[in-house]
Amino acid sequence: MENEQAQFPKLEKGRGQKSIKDLDFLLDIPLEISVELGRTRILVNDLLQLGQGSVIELTKLAGEPLEILINQKLIARGEAVVVNEKFGVRITDIVSPMERVKQLG
C-alpha cells in the first residue's frame, strides 16, 4: 500500500460568514429565564400552617446576589432593581465556563 497525500478542498473567503448565517435559527429558540431569591426546606405540617402574612425564612442573607438561571442552569448573578414599577435584575457577574462545567457533574 502506498502512502498518498490527503486532499482537502480549498477554503473560500467569506465561508465563515455563511456558517454564521446558518446558525441564525438558534436566535429564535425560546429559553426560560428565572431568578432565584433563595431556598428553604419546610415540613408539610409547617406548610399547612402558612397563611396570609406568614414569613418564610430563606437560606440567603439580605444583600447576597440573586441567581439567574436559564433552563434551570446557573449562568449569572445579579441584584434586584425596580424599573417602571416592575422588578428586574441587574447582572453583576457572569458564571465562567469552568463554573458551568462543574455544575454538570
PDB file of N, CA and C in Angstrom:
ATOM      1  N   MET A   1       0.846  -1.173   0.000  1.00  0.00           N
ATOM      2  CA  MET A   1       0.000   0.000   0.000  1.00  0.00           C
ATOM      3  C   MET A   1       0.892   1.237   0.000  1.00  0.00           C
ATOM      4  N   GLU A   2       0.629   2.163  -0.870  1.00  0.00           N
ATOM      5  CA  GLU A   2       1.430   3.381  -0.964  1.00  0.00           C
ATOM      6  C   GLU A   2       0.814   4.476  -0.103  1.00  0.00           C
ATOM      7  N   ASN A   3       1.679   5.310   0.426  1.00  0.00           N
ATOM      8  CA  ASN A   3       1.199   6.469   1.191  1.00  0.00           C
ATOM      9  C   ASN A   3       0.760   7.539   0.209  1.00  0.00           C
ATOM     10  N   GLU A   4      -0.467   7.997   0.363  1.00  0.00           N
ATOM     11  CA  GLU A   4      -0.972   9.060  -0.501  1.00  0.00           C
ATOM     12  C   GLU A   4      -1.178  10.313   0.323  1.00  0.00           C
ATOM     13  N   GLN A   5      -0.982  11.433  -0.287  1.00  0.00           N
ATOM     14  CA  GLN A   5      -1.172  12.703   0.388  1.00  0.00           C
ATOM     15  C   GLN A   5      -2.671  13.022   0.444  1.00  0.00           C
ATOM     16  N   ALA A   6      -3.121  13.454   1.596  1.00  0.00           N
ATOM     17  CA  ALA A   6      -4.543  13.791   1.759  1.00  0.00           C
ATOM     18  C   ALA A   6      -4.895  14.997   0.904  1.00  0.00           C
ATOM     19  N   GLN A   7      -6.079  14.966   0.333  1.00  0.00           N
ATOM     20  CA  GLN A   7      -6.564  16.061  -0.494  1.00  0.00           C
ATOM     21  C   GLN A   7      -7.690  16.785   0.245  1.00  0.00           C
ATOM     22  N   PHE A   8      -7.560  18.099   0.393  1.00  0.00           N
ATOM     23  CA  PHE A   8      -8.574  18.913   1.053  1.00  0.00           C
ATOM     24  C   PHE A   8      -9.069  19.973   0.088  1.00  0.00           C
ATOM     25  N   PRO A   9     -10.380  20.281   0.124  1.00  0.00           N
ATOM     26  CA  PRO A   9     -10.875  21.345  -0.752  1.00  0.00           C
ATOM     27  C   PRO A   9     -10.303  22.692  -0.318  1.00  0.00           C
ATOM     28  N   LYS A  10     -10.162  23.591  -1.282  1.00  0.00           N
ATOM     29  CA  LYS A  10      -9.642  24.921  -0.972  1.00  0.00           C
ATOM     30  C   LYS A  10     -10.688  25.708  -0.197  1.00  0.00           C
ATOM     31  N   LEU A  11     -10.219  26.463   0.793  1.00  0.00           N
ATOM     32  CA  LEU A  11     -11.109  27.316   1.572  1.00  0.00           C
ATOM     33  C   LEU A  11     -11.417  28.570   0.786  1.00  0.00           C
ATOM     34  N   GLU A  12     -12.669  28.980   0.851  1.00  0.00           N
ATOM     35  CA  GLU A  12     -13.076  30.181   0.140  1.00  0.00           C
ATOM     36  C   GLU A  12     -13.235  31.323   1.130  1.00  0.00           C
ATOM     37  N   LYS A  13     -12.954  32.535   0.663  1.00  0.00           N
ATOM     38  CA  LYS A  13     -13.151  33.707   1.515  1.00  0.00           C
ATOM     39  C   LYS A  13     -14.632  33.870   1.811  1.00  0.00           C
ATOM     40  N   GLY A  14     -14.930  34.318   3.007  1.00  0.00           N
ATOM     41  CA  GLY A  14     -16.320  34.577   3.365  1.00  0.00           C
ATOM     42  C   GLY A  14     -17.081  33.339   3.788  1.00  0.00           C
ATOM     43  N   ARG A  15     -16.458  32.194   3.762  1.00  0.00           N
ATOM     44  CA  ARG A  15     -17.149  30.958   4.136  1.00  0.00           C
ATOM     45  C   ARG A  15     -17.592  31.004   5.606  1.00  0.00           C
ATOM     46  N   GLY A  16     -16.794  31.659   6.472  1.00  0.00           N
ATOM     47  CA  GLY A  16     -17.157  31.796   7.881  1.00  0.00           C
ATOM     48  C   GLY A  16     -18.452  32.575   8.054  1.00  0.00           C
ATOM     49  N   GLN A  17     -18.697  33.564   7.217  1.00  0.00           N
ATOM     50  CA  GLN A  17     -19.938  34.341   7.285  1.00  0.00           C
ATOM     51  C   GLN A  17     -21.134  33.459   6.971  1.00  0.00           C
ATOM     52  N   LYS A  18     -20.990  32.546   6.029  1.00  0.00           N
ATOM     53  CA  LYS A  18     -22.091  31.641   5.685  1.00  0.00           C
ATOM     54  C   LYS A  18     -22.443  30.770   6.887  1.00  0.00           C
ATOM     55  N   SER A  19     -21.420  30.285   7.594  1.00  0.00           N
ATOM     56  CA  SER A  19     -21.656  29.455   8.773  1.00  0.00           C
ATOM     57  C   SER A  19     -22.429  30.227   9.837  1.00  0.00           C
ATOM     58  N   ILE A  20     -22.094  31.493  10.006  1.00  0.00           N
ATOM     59  CA  ILE A  20     -22.798  32.317  10.991  1.00  0.00           C
ATOM     60  C   ILE A  20     -24.259  32.455  10.594  1.00  0.00           C
ATOM     61  N   LYS A  21     -24.530  32.685   9.322  1.00  0.00           N
ATOM     62  CA  LYS A  21     -25.917  32.824   8.869  1.00  0.00           C
ATOM     63  C   LYS A  21     -26.668  31.508   9.021  1.00  0.00           C
ATOM     64  N   ASP A  22     -25.982  30.377   8.835  1.00  0.00           N
ATOM     65  CA  ASP A  22     -26.624  29.078   9.005  1.00  0.00           C
ATOM     66  C   ASP A  22     -27.055  28.847  10.449  1.00  0.00           C
ATOM     67  N   LEU A  23     -26.405  29.513  11.392  1.00  0.00           N
ATOM     68  CA  LEU A  23     -26.722  29.345  12.807  1.00  0.00           C
ATOM     69  C   LEU A  23     -27.734  30.374  13.308  1.00  0.00           C
ATOM     70  N   ASP A  24     -28.182  31.265  12.436  1.00  0.00           N
ATOM     71  CA  ASP A  24     -29.141  32.293  12.848  1.00  0.00           C
ATOM     72  C   ASP A  24     -30.428  31.705  13.419  1.00  0.00           C
ATOM     73  N   PHE A  25     -30.781  30.483  13.013  1.00  0.00           N
ATOM     74  CA  PHE A  25     -32.022  29.882  13.520  1.00  0.00           C
ATOM     75  C   PHE A  25     -31.958  29.692  15.035  1.00  0.00           C
ATOM     76  N   LEU A  26     -30.750  29.634  15.609  1.00  0.00           N
ATOM     77  CA  LEU A  26     -30.619  29.490  17.063  1.00  0.00           C
ATOM     78  C   LEU A  26     -31.133  30.716  17.802  1.00  0.00           C
ATOM     79  N   LEU A  27     -31.138  31.853  17.135  1.00  0.00           N
ATOM     80  CA  LEU A  27     -31.570  33.089  17.784  1.00  0.00           C
ATOM     81  C   LEU A  27     -33.054  33.079  18.138  1.00  0.00           C
ATOM     82  N   ASP A  28     -33.832  32.209  17.511  1.00  0.00           N
ATOM     83  CA  ASP A  28     -35.272  32.160  17.751  1.00  0.00           C
ATOM     84  C   ASP A  28     -35.693  31.061  18.725  1.00  0.00           C
ATOM     85  N   ILE A  29     -34.741  30.407  19.376  1.00  0.00           N
ATOM     86  CA  ILE A  29     -35.077  29.350  20.324  1.00  0.00           C
ATOM     87  C   ILE A  29     -35.437  29.992  21.663  1.00  0.00           C
ATOM     88  N   PRO A  30     -36.648  29.718  22.165  1.00  0.00           N
ATOM     89  CA  PRO A  30     -37.049  30.318  23.444  1.00  0.00           C
ATOM     90  C   PRO A  30     -36.346  29.630  24.611  1.00  0.00           C
ATOM     91  N   LEU A  31     -35.937  30.414  25.595  1.00  0.00           N
ATOM     92  CA  LEU A  31     -35.303  29.909  26.805  1.00  0.00           C
ATOM     93  C   LEU A  31     -36.078  30.413  28.013  1.00  0.00           C
ATOM     94  N   GLU A  32     -36.123  29.607  29.050  1.00  0.00           N
ATOM     95  CA  GLU A  32     -36.797  30.013  30.284  1.00  0.00           C
ATOM     96  C   GLU A  32     -35.769  30.643  31.216  1.00  0.00           C
ATOM     97  N   ILE A  33     -35.993  31.886  31.571  1.00  0.00           N
ATOM     98  CA  ILE A  33     -35.105  32.578  32.495  1.00  0.00           C
ATOM     99  C   ILE A  33     -35.838  32.745  33.823  1.00  0.00           C
ATOM    100  N   SER A  34     -35.172  32.369  34.904  1.00  0.00           N
ATOM    101  CA  SER A  34     -35.756  32.568  36.226  1.00  0.00           C
ATOM    102  C   SER A  34     -34.691  33.154  37.145  1.00  0.00           C
ATOM    103  N   VAL A  35     -35.146  33.828  38.175  1.00  0.00           N
ATOM    104  CA  VAL A  35     -34.254  34.450  39.145  1.00  0.00           C
ATOM    105  C   VAL A  35     -34.613  33.883  40.508  1.00  0.00           C
ATOM    106  N   GLU A  36     -33.604  33.361  41.184  1.00  0.00           N
ATOM    107  CA  GLU A  36     -33.840  32.723  42.475  1.00  0.00           C
ATOM    108  C   GLU A  36     -33.399  33.644  43.605  1.00  0.00           C
ATOM    109  N   LEU A  37     -34.339  33.972  44.455  1.00  0.00           N
ATOM    110  CA  LEU A  37     -34.081  34.832  45.604  1.00  0.00           C
ATOM    111  C   LEU A  37     -33.449  34.035  46.735  1.00  0.00           C
ATOM    112  N   GLY A  38     -33.841  32.783  46.893  1.00  0.00           N
ATOM    113  CA  GLY A  38     -33.316  31.915  47.945  1.00  0.00           C
ATOM    114  C   GLY A  38     -34.126  30.643  48.011  1.00  0.00           C
ATOM    115  N   ARG A  39     -33.734  29.756  48.900  1.00  0.00           N
ATOM    116  CA  ARG A  39     -34.423  28.477  49.068  1.00  0.00           C
ATOM    117  C   ARG A  39     -34.584  28.171  50.547  1.00  0.00           C
ATOM    118  N   THR A  40     -35.448  27.211  50.812  1.00  0.00           N
ATOM    119  CA  THR A  40     -35.595  26.690  52.166  1.00  0.00           C
ATOM    120  C   THR A  40     -36.266  25.329  52.085  1.00  0.00           C
ATOM    121  N   ARG A  41     -36.183  24.586  53.158  1.00  0.00           N
ATOM    122  CA  ARG A  41     -36.897  23.305  53.273  1.00  0.00           C
ATOM    123  C   ARG A  41     -37.917  23.485  54.387  1.00  0.00           C
ATOM    124  N   ILE A  42     -39.083  22.922  54.176  1.00  0.00           N
ATOM    125  CA  ILE A  42     -40.155  23.105  55.147  1.00  0.00           C
ATOM    126  C   ILE A  42     -40.938  21.796  55.263  1.00  0.00           C
ATOM    127  N   LEU A  43     -41.352  21.480  56.453  1.00  0.00           N
ATOM    128  CA  LEU A  43     -42.171  20.288  56.674  1.00  0.00           C
ATOM    129  C   LEU A  43     -43.582  20.539  56.160  1.00  0.00           C
ATOM    130  N   VAL A  44     -44.231  19.473  55.738  1.00  0.00           N
ATOM    131  CA  VAL A  44     -45.600  19.592  55.228  1.00  0.00           C
ATOM    132  C   VAL A  44     -46.497  20.201  56.298  1.00  0.00           C
ATOM    133  N   ASN A  45     -46.331  19.788  57.546  1.00  0.00           N
ATOM    134  CA  ASN A  45     -47.149  20.324  58.637  1.00  0.00           C
ATOM    135  C   ASN A  45     -46.975  21.841  58.743  1.00  0.00           C
ATOM    136  N   ASP A  46     -45.710  22.315  58.634  1.00  0.00           N
ATOM    137  CA  ASP A  46     -45.458  23.756  58.711  1.00  0.00           C
ATOM    138  C   ASP A  46     -46.036  24.471  57.490  1.00  0.00           C
ATOM    139  N   LEU A  47     -45.964  23.822  56.341  1.00  0.00           N
ATOM    140  CA  LEU A  47     -46.525  24.397  55.117  1.00  0.00           C
ATOM    141  C   LEU A  47     -48.028  24.604  55.256  1.00  0.00           C
ATOM    142  N   LEU A  48     -48.703  23.636  55.865  1.00  0.00           N
ATOM    143  CA  LEU A  48     -50.152  23.732  56.045  1.00  0.00           C
ATOM    144  C   LEU A  48     -50.543  24.838  57.027  1.00  0.00           C
ATOM    145  N   GLN A  49     -49.612  25.249  57.887  1.00  0.00           N
ATOM    146  CA  GLN A  49     -49.883  26.298  58.865  1.00  0.00           C
ATOM    147  C   GLN A  49     -49.714  27.701  58.288  1.00  0.00           C
ATOM    148  N   LEU A  50     -49.142  27.809  57.073  1.00  0.00           N
ATOM    149  CA  LEU A  50     -48.903  29.126  56.476  1.00  0.00           C
ATOM    150  C   LEU A  50     -50.213  29.811  56.122  1.00  0.00           C
ATOM    151  N   GLY A  51     -50.232  31.085  56.298  1.00  0.00           N
ATOM    152  CA  GLY A  51     -51.398  31.874  55.934  1.00  0.00           C
ATOM    153  C   GLY A  51     -50.942  33.238  55.453  1.00  0.00           C
ATOM    154  N   GLN A  52     -51.900  34.072  55.131  1.00  0.00           N
ATOM    155  CA  GLN A  52     -51.583  35.423  54.677  1.00  0.00           C
ATOM    156  C   GLN A  52     -50.789  36.144  55.763  1.00  0.00           C
ATOM    157  N   GLY A  53     -49.682  36.732  55.383  1.00  0.00           N
ATOM    158  CA  GLY A  53     -48.829  37.443  56.330  1.00  0.00           C
ATOM    159  C   GLY A  53     -47.724  36.579  56.916  1.00  0.00           C
ATOM    160  N   SER A  54     -47.744  35.260  56.661  1.00  0.00           N
ATOM    161  CA  SER A  54     -46.671  34.392  57.146  1.00  0.00           C
ATOM    162  C   SER A  54     -45.362  34.760  56.451  1.00  0.00           C
ATOM    163  N   VAL A  55     -44.260  34.529  57.152  1.00  0.00           N
ATOM    164  CA  VAL A  55     -42.937  34.810  56.602  1.00  0.00           C
ATOM    165  C   VAL A  55     -42.178  33.491  56.495  1.00  0.00           C
ATOM    166  N   ILE A  56     -41.586  33.249  55.335  1.00  0.00           N
ATOM    167  CA  ILE A  56     -40.772  32.062  55.130  1.00  0.00           C
ATOM    168  C   ILE A  56     -39.318  32.518  55.068  1.00  0.00           C
ATOM    169  N   GLU A  57     -38.499  32.014  55.984  1.00  0.00           N
ATOM    170  CA  GLU A  57     -37.091  32.397  56.024  1.00  0.00           C
ATOM    171  C   GLU A  57     -36.327  31.611  54.963  1.00  0.00           C
ATOM    172  N   LEU A  58     -35.536  32.332  54.174  1.00  0.00           N
ATOM    173  CA  LEU A  58     -34.749  31.706  53.110  1.00  0.00           C
ATOM    174  C   LEU A  58     -33.299  31.545  53.545  1.00  0.00           C
ATOM    175  N   THR A  59     -32.557  30.715  52.812  1.00  0.00           N
ATOM    176  CA  THR A  59     -31.166  30.424  53.168  1.00  0.00           C
ATOM    177  C   THR A  59     -30.221  31.570  52.847  1.00  0.00           C
ATOM    178  N   LYS A  60     -30.574  32.441  51.924  1.00  0.00           N
ATOM    179  CA  LYS A  60     -29.686  33.548  51.547  1.00  0.00           C
ATOM    180  C   LYS A  60     -29.819  34.704  52.523  1.00  0.00           C
ATOM    181  N   LEU A  61     -28.702  35.402  52.683  1.00  0.00           N
ATOM    182  CA  LEU A  61     -28.700  36.590  53.524  1.00  0.00           C
ATOM    183  C   LEU A  61     -29.122  37.808  52.718  1.00  0.00           C
ATOM    184  N   ALA A  62     -29.669  38.807  53.377  1.00  0.00           N
ATOM    185  CA  ALA A  62     -30.033  40.053  52.701  1.00  0.00           C
ATOM    186  C   ALA A  62     -28.774  40.650  52.077  1.00  0.00           C
ATOM    187  N   GLY A  63     -28.880  41.104  50.841  1.00  0.00           N
ATOM    188  CA  GLY A  63     -27.745  41.702  50.148  1.00  0.00           C
ATOM    189  C   GLY A  63     -26.936  40.727  49.314  1.00  0.00           C
ATOM    190  N   GLU A  64     -27.146  39.415  49.508  1.00  0.00           N
ATOM    191  CA  GLU A  64     -26.436  38.437  48.672  1.00  0.00           C
ATOM    192  C   GLU A  64     -26.984  38.500  47.251  1.00  0.00           C
ATOM    193  N   PRO A  65     -26.154  38.183  46.260  1.00  0.00           N
ATOM    194  CA  PRO A  65     -26.631  38.232  44.869  1.00  0.00           C
ATOM    195  C   PRO A  65     -27.735  37.210  44.590  1.00  0.00           C
ATOM    196  N   LEU A  66     -28.641  37.586  43.717  1.00  0.00           N
ATOM    197  CA  LEU A  66     -29.675  36.673  43.241  1.00  0.00           C
ATOM    198  C   LEU A  66     -29.051  35.781  42.174  1.00  0.00           C
ATOM    199  N   GLU A  67     -29.577  34.585  42.005  1.00  0.00           N
ATOM    200  CA  GLU A  67     -29.060  33.674  40.984  1.00  0.00           C
ATOM    201  C   GLU A  67     -29.953  33.734  39.759  1.00  0.00           C
ATOM    202  N   ILE A  68     -29.343  33.926  38.595  1.00  0.00           N
ATOM    203  CA  ILE A  68     -30.060  33.988  37.327  1.00  0.00           C
ATOM    204  C   ILE A  68     -29.867  32.651  36.624  1.00  0.00           C
ATOM    205  N   LEU A  69     -30.983  31.975  36.370  1.00  0.00           N
ATOM    206  CA  LEU A  69     -30.941  30.640  35.783  1.00  0.00           C
ATOM    207  C   LEU A  69     -31.563  30.650  34.397  1.00  0.00           C
ATOM    208  N   ILE A  70     -30.940  29.951  33.471  1.00  0.00           N
ATOM    209  CA  ILE A  70     -31.534  29.737  32.153  1.00  0.00           C
ATOM    210  C   ILE A  70     -31.714  28.243  31.992  1.00  0.00           C
ATOM    211  N   ASN A  71     -32.961  27.840  31.764  1.00  0.00           N
ATOM    212  CA  ASN A  71     -33.323  26.420  31.705  1.00  0.00           C
ATOM    213  C   ASN A  71     -32.763  25.679  32.925  1.00  0.00           C
ATOM    214  N   GLN A  72     -32.928  26.275  34.096  1.00  0.00           N
ATOM    215  CA  GLN A  72     -32.559  25.722  35.391  1.00  0.00           C
ATOM    216  C   GLN A  72     -31.053  25.550  35.583  1.00  0.00           C
ATOM    217  N   LYS A  73     -30.237  26.241  34.784  1.00  0.00           N
ATOM    218  CA  LYS A  73     -28.778  26.203  34.923  1.00  0.00           C
ATOM    219  C   LYS A  73     -28.285  27.604  35.285  1.00  0.00           C
ATOM    220  N   LEU A  74     -27.463  27.704  36.309  1.00  0.00           N
ATOM    221  CA  LEU A  74     -26.935  28.993  36.753  1.00  0.00           C
ATOM    222  C   LEU A  74     -26.023  29.576  35.686  1.00  0.00           C
ATOM    223  N   ILE A  75     -26.327  30.798  35.244  1.00  0.00           N
ATOM    224  CA  ILE A  75     -25.484  31.448  34.237  1.00  0.00           C
ATOM    225  C   ILE A  75     -24.960  32.803  34.704  1.00  0.00           C
ATOM    226  N   ALA A  76     -25.599  33.387  35.731  1.00  0.00           N
ATOM    227  CA  ALA A  76     -25.163  34.709  36.184  1.00  0.00           C
ATOM    228  C   ALA A  76     -25.709  34.978  37.582  1.00  0.00           C
ATOM    229  N   ARG A  77     -25.202  36.063  38.158  1.00  0.00           N
ATOM    230  CA  ARG A  77     -25.704  36.550  39.443  1.00  0.00           C
ATOM    231  C   ARG A  77     -26.010  38.033  39.290  1.00  0.00           C
ATOM    232  N   GLY A  78     -26.920  38.525  40.103  1.00  0.00           N
ATOM    233  CA  GLY A  78     -27.282  39.928  39.965  1.00  0.00           C
ATOM    234  C   GLY A  78     -27.953  40.463  41.210  1.00  0.00           C
ATOM    235  N   GLU A  79     -28.438  41.701  41.072  1.00  0.00           N
ATOM    236  CA  GLU A  79     -29.118  42.363  42.181  1.00  0.00           C
ATOM    237  C   GLU A  79     -30.488  42.851  41.713  1.00  0.00           C
ATOM    238  N   ALA A  80     -31.426  42.865  42.635  1.00  0.00           N
ATOM    239  CA  ALA A  80     -32.785  43.284  42.313  1.00  0.00           C
ATOM    240  C   ALA A  80     -32.834  44.789  42.092  1.00  0.00           C
ATOM    241  N   VAL A  81     -33.606  45.192  41.091  1.00  0.00           N
ATOM    242  CA  VAL A  81     -33.838  46.608  40.803  1.00  0.00           C
ATOM    243  C   VAL A  81     -35.312  46.785  40.487  1.00  0.00           C
ATOM    244  N   VAL A  82     -35.769  48.019  40.521  1.00  0.00           N
ATOM    245  CA  VAL A  82     -37.136  48.337  40.131  1.00  0.00           C
ATOM    246  C   VAL A  82     -37.065  49.250  38.914  1.00  0.00           C
ATOM    247  N   VAL A  83     -37.760  48.847  37.846  1.00  0.00           N
ATOM    248  CA  VAL A  83     -37.783  49.615  36.602  1.00  0.00           C
ATOM    249  C   VAL A  83     -39.246  49.818  36.210  1.00  0.00           C
ATOM    250  N   ASN A  84     -39.672  51.070  36.136  1.00  0.00           N
ATOM    251  CA  ASN A  84     -41.065  51.382  35.785  1.00  0.00           C
ATOM    252  C   ASN A  84     -42.060  50.573  36.624  1.00  0.00           C
ATOM    253  N   GLU A  85     -41.841  50.545  37.921  1.00  0.00           N
ATOM    254  CA  GLU A  85     -42.708  49.862  38.885  1.00  0.00           C
ATOM    255  C   GLU A  85     -42.745  48.348  38.710  1.00  0.00           C
ATOM    256  N   LYS A  86     -41.762  47.771  38.020  1.00  0.00           N
ATOM    257  CA  LYS A  86     -41.647  46.313  37.881  1.00  0.00           C
ATOM    258  C   LYS A  86     -40.276  45.898  38.397  1.00  0.00           C
ATOM    259  N   PHE A  87     -40.211  44.681  38.939  1.00  0.00           N
ATOM    260  CA  PHE A  87     -38.927  44.163  39.384  1.00  0.00           C
ATOM    261  C   PHE A  87     -38.079  43.765  38.187  1.00  0.00           C
ATOM    262  N   GLY A  88     -36.785  43.909  38.338  1.00  0.00           N
ATOM    263  CA  GLY A  88     -35.828  43.479  37.330  1.00  0.00           C
ATOM    264  C   GLY A  88     -34.566  43.024  38.035  1.00  0.00           C
ATOM    265  N   VAL A  89     -33.597  42.565  37.256  1.00  0.00           N
ATOM    266  CA  VAL A  89     -32.326  42.119  37.818  1.00  0.00           C
ATOM    267  C   VAL A  89     -31.196  42.755  37.034  1.00  0.00           C
ATOM    268  N   ARG A  90     -30.286  43.395  37.732  1.00  0.00           N
ATOM    269  CA  ARG A  90     -29.077  43.934  37.112  1.00  0.00           C
ATOM    270  C   ARG A  90     -28.000  42.863  37.240  1.00  0.00           C
ATOM    271  N   ILE A  91     -27.461  42.417  36.111  1.00  0.00           N
ATOM    272  CA  ILE A  91     -26.428  41.374  36.121  1.00  0.00           C
ATOM    273  C   ILE A  91     -25.135  41.975  36.654  1.00  0.00           C
ATOM    274  N   THR A  92     -24.580  41.319  37.663  1.00  0.00           N
ATOM    275  CA  THR A  92     -23.331  41.786  38.262  1.00  0.00           C
ATOM    276  C   THR A  92     -22.172  40.831  38.003  1.00  0.00           C
ATOM    277  N   ASP A  93     -22.487  39.579  37.650  1.00  0.00           N
ATOM    278  CA  ASP A  93     -21.436  38.582  37.461  1.00  0.00           C
ATOM    279  C   ASP A  93     -21.939  37.496  36.517  1.00  0.00           C
ATOM    280  N   ILE A  94     -21.149  37.186  35.501  1.00  0.00           N
ATOM    281  CA  ILE A  94     -21.466  36.079  34.590  1.00  0.00           C
ATOM    282  C   ILE A  94     -20.664  34.874  35.056  1.00  0.00           C
ATOM    283  N   VAL A  95     -21.320  33.720  35.137  1.00  0.00           N
ATOM    284  CA  VAL A  95     -20.651  32.494  35.564  1.00  0.00           C
ATOM    285  C   VAL A  95     -19.635  32.094  34.501  1.00  0.00           C
ATOM    286  N   SER A  96     -18.426  31.772  34.928  1.00  0.00           N
ATOM    287  CA  SER A  96     -17.368  31.404  33.985  1.00  0.00           C
ATOM    288  C   SER A  96     -17.682  30.047  33.349  1.00  0.00           C
ATOM    289  N   PRO A  97     -17.149  29.800  32.158  1.00  0.00           N
ATOM    290  CA  PRO A  97     -17.367  28.487  31.522  1.00  0.00           C
ATOM    291  C   PRO A  97     -16.912  27.338  32.429  1.00  0.00           C
ATOM    292  N   MET A  98     -15.838  27.532  33.185  1.00  0.00           N
ATOM    293  CA  MET A  98     -15.348  26.467  34.070  1.00  0.00           C
ATOM    294  C   MET A  98     -16.367  26.163  35.168  1.00  0.00           C
ATOM    295  N   GLU A  99     -16.992  27.211  35.725  1.00  0.00           N
ATOM    296  CA  GLU A  99     -18.024  27.008  36.750  1.00  0.00           C
ATOM    297  C   GLU A  99     -19.219  26.262  36.170  1.00  0.00           C
ATOM    298  N   ARG A 100     -19.593  26.592  34.918  1.00  0.00           N
ATOM    299  CA  ARG A 100     -20.716  25.903  34.274  1.00  0.00           C
ATOM    300  C   ARG A 100     -20.414  24.435  34.064  1.00  0.00           C
ATOM    301  N   VAL A 101     -19.183  24.101  33.725  1.00  0.00           N
ATOM    302  CA  VAL A 101     -18.797  22.701  33.539  1.00  0.00           C
ATOM    303  C   VAL A 101     -18.889  21.961  34.870  1.00  0.00           C
ATOM    304  N   LYS A 102     -18.486  22.623  35.960  1.00  0.00           N
ATOM    305  CA  LYS A 102     -18.562  21.992  37.293  1.00  0.00           C
ATOM    306  C   LYS A 102     -20.007  21.672  37.673  1.00  0.00           C
ATOM    307  N   GLN A 103     -20.963  22.487  37.209  1.00  0.00           N
ATOM    308  CA  GLN A 103     -22.383  22.259  37.510  1.00  0.00           C
ATOM    309  C   GLN A 103     -22.892  20.973  36.877  1.00  0.00           C
ATOM    310  N   LEU A 104     -22.285  20.554  35.793  1.00  0.00           N
ATOM    311  CA  LEU A 104     -22.751  19.374  35.076  1.00  0.00           C
ATOM    312  C   LEU A 104     -22.488  18.084  35.857  1.00  0.00           C
ATOM    313  N   GLY A 105     -21.456  18.099  36.708  1.00  0.00           N
ATOM    314  CA  GLY A 105     -21.055  16.887  37.422  1.00  0.00           C
ATOM    315  C   GLY A 105     -21.819  16.619  38.658  1.00  0.00           C
TER     316      GLY A 105
END
